C-alpha cells in the first residue's frame, strides 16, 4: 500500500512539472513534437530510476550524519552531508552520459532531434530535485527510492507528452498573434497544473469529516434542548 500510494502521489499530486515547476527548460523546448517528447521523457524515466536509488544508497551509507558507523564506531561521528550536491550531480552526470551513448548508438535521429537538451539532463533541476526530495522526505528503503524515481520520471513523461500533443494540435488553431508560441504554452501549462491539483483529493479520505458532522448535530441538539428548557422556564 505504501508503494502504491507513493507511486500515484509522485505522478499526479507531486508532479515535478505541475506541482514544483522543475525541469521547465526542457519541458518547453523539447515539447514541440510528440516524438521528441517521448524520447526525452523515456530518458528522464531511465535516469531517475537509476540515480534516485543510487543516491539513496550514497546518502544512507556514506553522506548523512552517522552513515559511516558501519565502518566502525570511530567513524560514527563523521558527517559528509556537505558533499551531497557534488555526489548527486556526479551520479546523475554519469547516468546521463550512459543514456547519451545508448541513444546515439541505437537512435541517431532521436539523438539529433533532442540536440543539446539530452546532455543537459545532467543539470536538469527535475532530475536533481528527485534526489533532493528523496533525501528531504527521508524515504525509508531503497525499494521506495526506486519507486519514487520511476514514478517521478513517469510524471515528467506524462507532462511533456501531454503538452507536446496539445502544441501539435494548436498549430491548426486560430490562436491570437500575441499569444502564439510560448504565451499560449504557459497558459496551457498553468491550466494543466490547476487540473493536476484536483488529484490531491485522491489520497484524502472522507472518514475524518464524519465525526465533525456528528459533533455538529450534537451541538445543534444541545442548543435545541437549552432553548426548550429556557422556554419552559419562561412559561
Protein backbone atom coordinates (compact mmCIF):
# COMPACT_ATOMS: atom_id res chain seq x y z
CA UNK A 1 0.00 0.00 0.00
CA UNK A 2 2.86 2.35 0.79
CA UNK A 3 4.43 1.72 -2.63
CA UNK A 4 1.11 2.25 -4.41
CA UNK A 5 0.40 5.47 -2.54
CA UNK A 6 3.89 6.83 -3.27
CA UNK A 7 3.55 5.85 -6.93
CA UNK A 8 0.30 7.70 -7.59
CA UNK A 9 1.22 10.63 -5.37
CA UNK A 10 4.51 11.22 -7.20
CA UNK A 11 2.83 11.09 -10.63
CA UNK A 12 -0.33 13.10 -10.09
CA UNK A 13 -0.08 15.11 -6.86
CA UNK A 14 3.64 15.92 -6.51
CA UNK A 15 4.26 16.09 -10.25
CA UNK A 16 7.70 17.56 -10.95
CA UNK A 17 6.40 19.93 -13.62
CA UNK A 18 2.94 20.91 -12.45
CA UNK A 19 3.45 20.89 -8.66
CA UNK A 20 7.01 22.18 -8.27
CA UNK A 21 7.63 23.59 -11.81
CA UNK A 22 11.02 21.87 -12.10
CA UNK A 23 12.55 21.00 -15.47
CA UNK A 24 10.64 23.74 -17.29
CA UNK A 25 13.52 24.48 -19.68
CA UNK A 26 13.49 21.08 -21.39
CA UNK A 27 9.72 20.83 -20.88
CA UNK A 28 9.14 23.91 -23.03
CA UNK A 29 11.96 23.43 -25.52
CA UNK A 30 11.51 19.75 -26.44
CA UNK A 31 7.72 19.61 -26.40
CA UNK A 32 7.15 20.87 -29.92
CA UNK A 33 6.81 17.31 -31.28
CA UNK A 34 5.40 14.20 -29.63
CA UNK A 35 8.24 12.02 -30.94
CA UNK A 36 10.98 14.09 -29.28
CA UNK A 37 8.88 14.47 -26.12
CA UNK A 38 8.55 10.69 -25.85
CA UNK A 39 12.29 10.24 -26.30
CA UNK A 40 13.21 12.80 -23.66
CA UNK A 41 10.54 11.53 -21.27
CA UNK A 42 11.82 7.96 -21.58
CA UNK A 43 15.38 9.17 -20.96
CA UNK A 44 14.24 11.06 -17.84
CA UNK A 45 12.44 7.96 -16.51
CA UNK A 46 15.57 5.86 -17.01
CA UNK A 47 17.90 8.39 -15.42
CA UNK A 48 15.66 8.97 -12.39
CA UNK A 49 15.04 5.23 -11.93
CA UNK A 50 18.80 4.69 -11.62
CA UNK A 51 20.01 7.86 -9.91
CA UNK A 52 17.41 8.18 -7.12
CA UNK A 53 18.09 4.73 -5.55
CA UNK A 54 21.84 5.15 -6.13
CA UNK A 55 21.80 8.50 -4.39
CA UNK A 56 19.70 6.97 -1.60
CA UNK A 57 22.45 4.40 -1.04
CA UNK A 58 25.10 7.12 -1.09
CA UNK A 59 23.15 9.26 1.35
CA UNK A 60 22.30 6.40 3.71
CA UNK A 61 25.66 4.65 3.86
CA UNK A 62 28.13 7.44 3.14
CA UNK A 63 26.92 11.04 3.37
CA UNK A 64 24.48 11.76 6.18
CA UNK A 65 25.43 12.18 9.82
CA UNK A 66 26.44 8.82 11.31
CA UNK A 67 26.23 6.99 7.98
CA UNK A 68 29.80 5.70 8.30
CA UNK A 69 29.04 3.79 11.51
CA UNK A 70 29.20 0.55 9.52
CA UNK A 71 32.96 1.14 9.14
CA UNK A 72 33.43 1.21 12.91
CA UNK A 73 32.48 3.22 16.00
CA UNK A 74 35.31 5.69 15.40
CA UNK A 75 33.62 6.81 12.15
CA UNK A 76 30.12 7.21 13.62
CA UNK A 77 30.59 10.94 14.27
CA UNK A 78 31.52 11.78 10.67
CA UNK A 79 29.08 13.93 8.70
CA UNK A 80 29.67 14.18 4.94
CA UNK A 81 26.31 15.70 4.08
CA UNK A 82 28.04 18.81 2.69
CA UNK A 83 29.09 16.60 -0.25
CA UNK A 84 25.50 15.71 -1.17
CA UNK A 85 25.18 18.09 -4.11
CA UNK A 86 28.52 17.08 -5.62
CA UNK A 87 27.88 13.35 -5.25
CA UNK A 88 24.31 13.56 -6.52
CA UNK A 89 25.30 15.56 -9.59
CA UNK A 90 28.22 13.22 -10.30
CA UNK A 91 25.87 10.22 -10.22
CA UNK A 92 23.36 11.96 -12.47
CA UNK A 93 26.04 13.08 -14.94
CA UNK A 94 27.37 9.50 -15.19
CA UNK A 95 23.93 8.08 -15.95
CA UNK A 96 23.16 10.84 -18.46
CA UNK A 97 26.40 10.10 -20.27
CA UNK A 98 25.37 6.44 -20.47
CA UNK A 99 21.94 7.40 -21.86
CA UNK A 100 23.55 9.72 -24.40
CA UNK A 101 25.83 6.96 -25.65
CA UNK A 102 22.96 4.47 -25.95
CA UNK A 103 20.63 6.92 -27.74
CA UNK A 104 23.35 7.98 -30.17
CA UNK A 105 24.14 4.35 -30.92
CA UNK A 106 20.62 2.99 -31.44
CA UNK A 107 18.59 6.07 -32.46
CA UNK A 108 20.68 8.73 -34.22
CA UNK A 109 17.55 10.55 -35.43
CA UNK A 110 16.27 10.95 -31.88
CA UNK A 111 19.74 11.97 -30.74
CA UNK A 112 19.84 14.72 -33.38
CA UNK A 113 16.30 15.92 -32.58
CA UNK A 114 16.99 16.16 -28.86
CA UNK A 115 20.17 18.08 -29.56
CA UNK A 116 21.77 19.89 -26.64
CA UNK A 117 18.90 19.04 -24.29
CA UNK A 118 19.94 15.40 -23.93
CA UNK A 119 23.30 16.16 -22.24
CA UNK A 120 21.57 18.97 -20.36
CA UNK A 121 19.58 16.33 -18.46
CA UNK A 122 22.65 16.20 -16.22
CA UNK A 123 21.80 19.66 -14.90
CA UNK A 124 18.03 19.32 -15.24
CA UNK A 125 16.61 20.54 -11.95
CA UNK A 126 13.85 17.90 -12.12
CA UNK A 127 16.44 15.11 -12.03
CA UNK A 128 18.37 16.67 -9.16
CA UNK A 129 15.10 17.60 -7.46
CA UNK A 130 14.10 13.92 -7.39
CA UNK A 131 17.21 13.02 -5.39
CA UNK A 132 16.91 16.04 -3.10
CA UNK A 133 13.22 15.38 -2.42
CA UNK A 134 14.10 11.76 -1.69
CA UNK A 135 16.64 12.99 0.85
CA UNK A 136 14.40 15.62 2.46
CA UNK A 137 11.40 13.29 2.73
CA UNK A 138 13.58 10.65 4.40
CA UNK A 139 12.42 7.74 2.26
CA UNK A 140 12.97 4.61 4.30
CA UNK A 141 14.18 1.96 1.82
CA UNK A 142 15.94 1.59 -1.50
CA UNK A 143 12.78 -0.01 -2.91
CA UNK A 144 10.75 3.09 -2.08
CA UNK A 145 13.53 5.24 -3.53
CA UNK A 146 13.37 3.26 -6.79
CA UNK A 147 9.59 3.60 -6.78
CA UNK A 148 9.86 7.34 -6.22
CA UNK A 149 12.41 7.73 -9.02
CA UNK A 150 10.33 5.78 -11.54
CA UNK A 151 7.04 7.45 -10.62
CA UNK A 152 8.56 10.95 -10.68
CA UNK A 153 10.01 10.19 -14.10
CA UNK A 154 6.62 8.97 -15.31
CA UNK A 155 5.07 12.18 -14.01
CA UNK A 156 7.54 14.23 -16.06
CA UNK A 157 6.92 11.94 -19.05
CA UNK A 158 3.14 12.45 -18.89
CA UNK A 159 3.55 16.21 -18.51
CA UNK A 160 5.84 16.67 -21.51
CA UNK A 161 3.83 14.20 -23.62
CA UNK A 162 0.56 15.99 -22.86
CA UNK A 163 1.88 19.46 -23.69
CA UNK A 164 3.56 18.15 -26.88
CA UNK A 165 0.28 16.63 -28.09
CA UNK A 166 -1.58 19.87 -27.33
CA UNK A 167 1.05 22.02 -29.05
CA UNK A 168 0.85 19.88 -32.18
CA UNK A 169 -2.93 20.39 -32.31
CA UNK A 170 -2.63 24.11 -31.54
CA UNK A 171 -0.76 24.68 -34.80
CA UNK A 172 -4.08 24.27 -36.61
CA UNK A 173 -5.98 26.55 -34.22
CA UNK A 174 -6.66 30.25 -34.58
CA UNK A 175 -4.54 31.49 -31.67
CA UNK A 176 -4.33 35.30 -31.23
CA UNK A 177 -0.99 36.58 -32.54
CA UNK A 178 0.05 37.96 -29.15
CA UNK A 179 -0.29 34.52 -27.55
CA UNK A 180 1.35 32.38 -30.20
CA UNK A 181 4.41 30.38 -29.19
CA UNK A 182 5.37 30.32 -25.54
CA UNK A 183 2.49 32.57 -24.50
CA UNK A 184 -0.25 30.03 -25.12
CA UNK A 185 2.06 27.27 -23.89
CA UNK A 186 2.43 28.96 -20.50
CA UNK A 187 -1.33 29.42 -20.27
CA UNK A 188 -1.98 25.76 -21.08
CA UNK A 189 0.68 24.68 -18.59
CA UNK A 190 -0.97 26.74 -15.86
CA UNK A 191 -4.38 25.24 -16.65
CA UNK A 192 -2.92 21.73 -16.63
CA UNK A 193 -1.27 22.45 -13.28
CA UNK A 194 -4.64 23.51 -11.87
CA UNK A 195 -6.14 20.31 -13.24
CA UNK A 196 -3.45 18.18 -11.61
CA UNK A 197 -4.11 19.92 -8.30
CA UNK A 198 -7.52 18.26 -8.30
CA UNK A 199 -5.81 14.91 -7.90
CA UNK A 200 -4.90 15.98 -4.37
CA UNK A 201 -8.22 14.55 -3.24
CA UNK A 202 -7.18 11.05 -4.28
CA UNK A 203 -5.32 10.40 -1.02
CA UNK A 204 -7.60 12.31 1.35
CA UNK A 205 -10.48 10.20 2.57
CA UNK A 206 -13.80 11.42 3.88
CA UNK A 207 -13.66 9.46 7.13
CA UNK A 208 -12.37 12.43 9.08
CA UNK A 209 -15.40 14.57 8.22
CA UNK A 210 -17.95 12.21 9.79
CA UNK A 211 -17.07 12.99 13.44
CA UNK A 212 -17.31 16.71 12.63
CA UNK A 213 -20.78 16.20 11.22
CA UNK A 214 -21.84 14.16 14.28
CA UNK A 215 -20.39 16.85 16.53
CA UNK A 216 -22.38 19.49 14.68
CA UNK A 217 -25.58 17.51 15.12
CA UNK A 218 -24.83 17.06 18.83
CA UNK A 219 -24.24 20.77 19.31
CA UNK A 220 -27.42 21.54 17.45
CA UNK A 221 -29.38 19.10 19.65
CA UNK A 222 -27.93 20.61 22.82
CA UNK A 223 -28.88 24.06 21.66
CA UNK A 224 -32.41 22.91 20.95
CA UNK A 225 -32.66 21.34 24.43
CA UNK A 226 -31.35 24.51 26.05
CA UNK A 227 -33.81 26.63 24.10
CA UNK A 228 -36.65 24.31 25.11
CA UNK A 229 -35.66 24.47 28.78
CA UNK A 230 -35.41 28.24 28.66
CA UNK A 231 -38.81 28.41 27.03
CA UNK A 232 -40.33 26.22 29.75
CA UNK A 233 -38.71 28.37 32.46
CA UNK A 234 -40.19 31.49 30.95
CA UNK A 235 -43.62 29.89 30.79
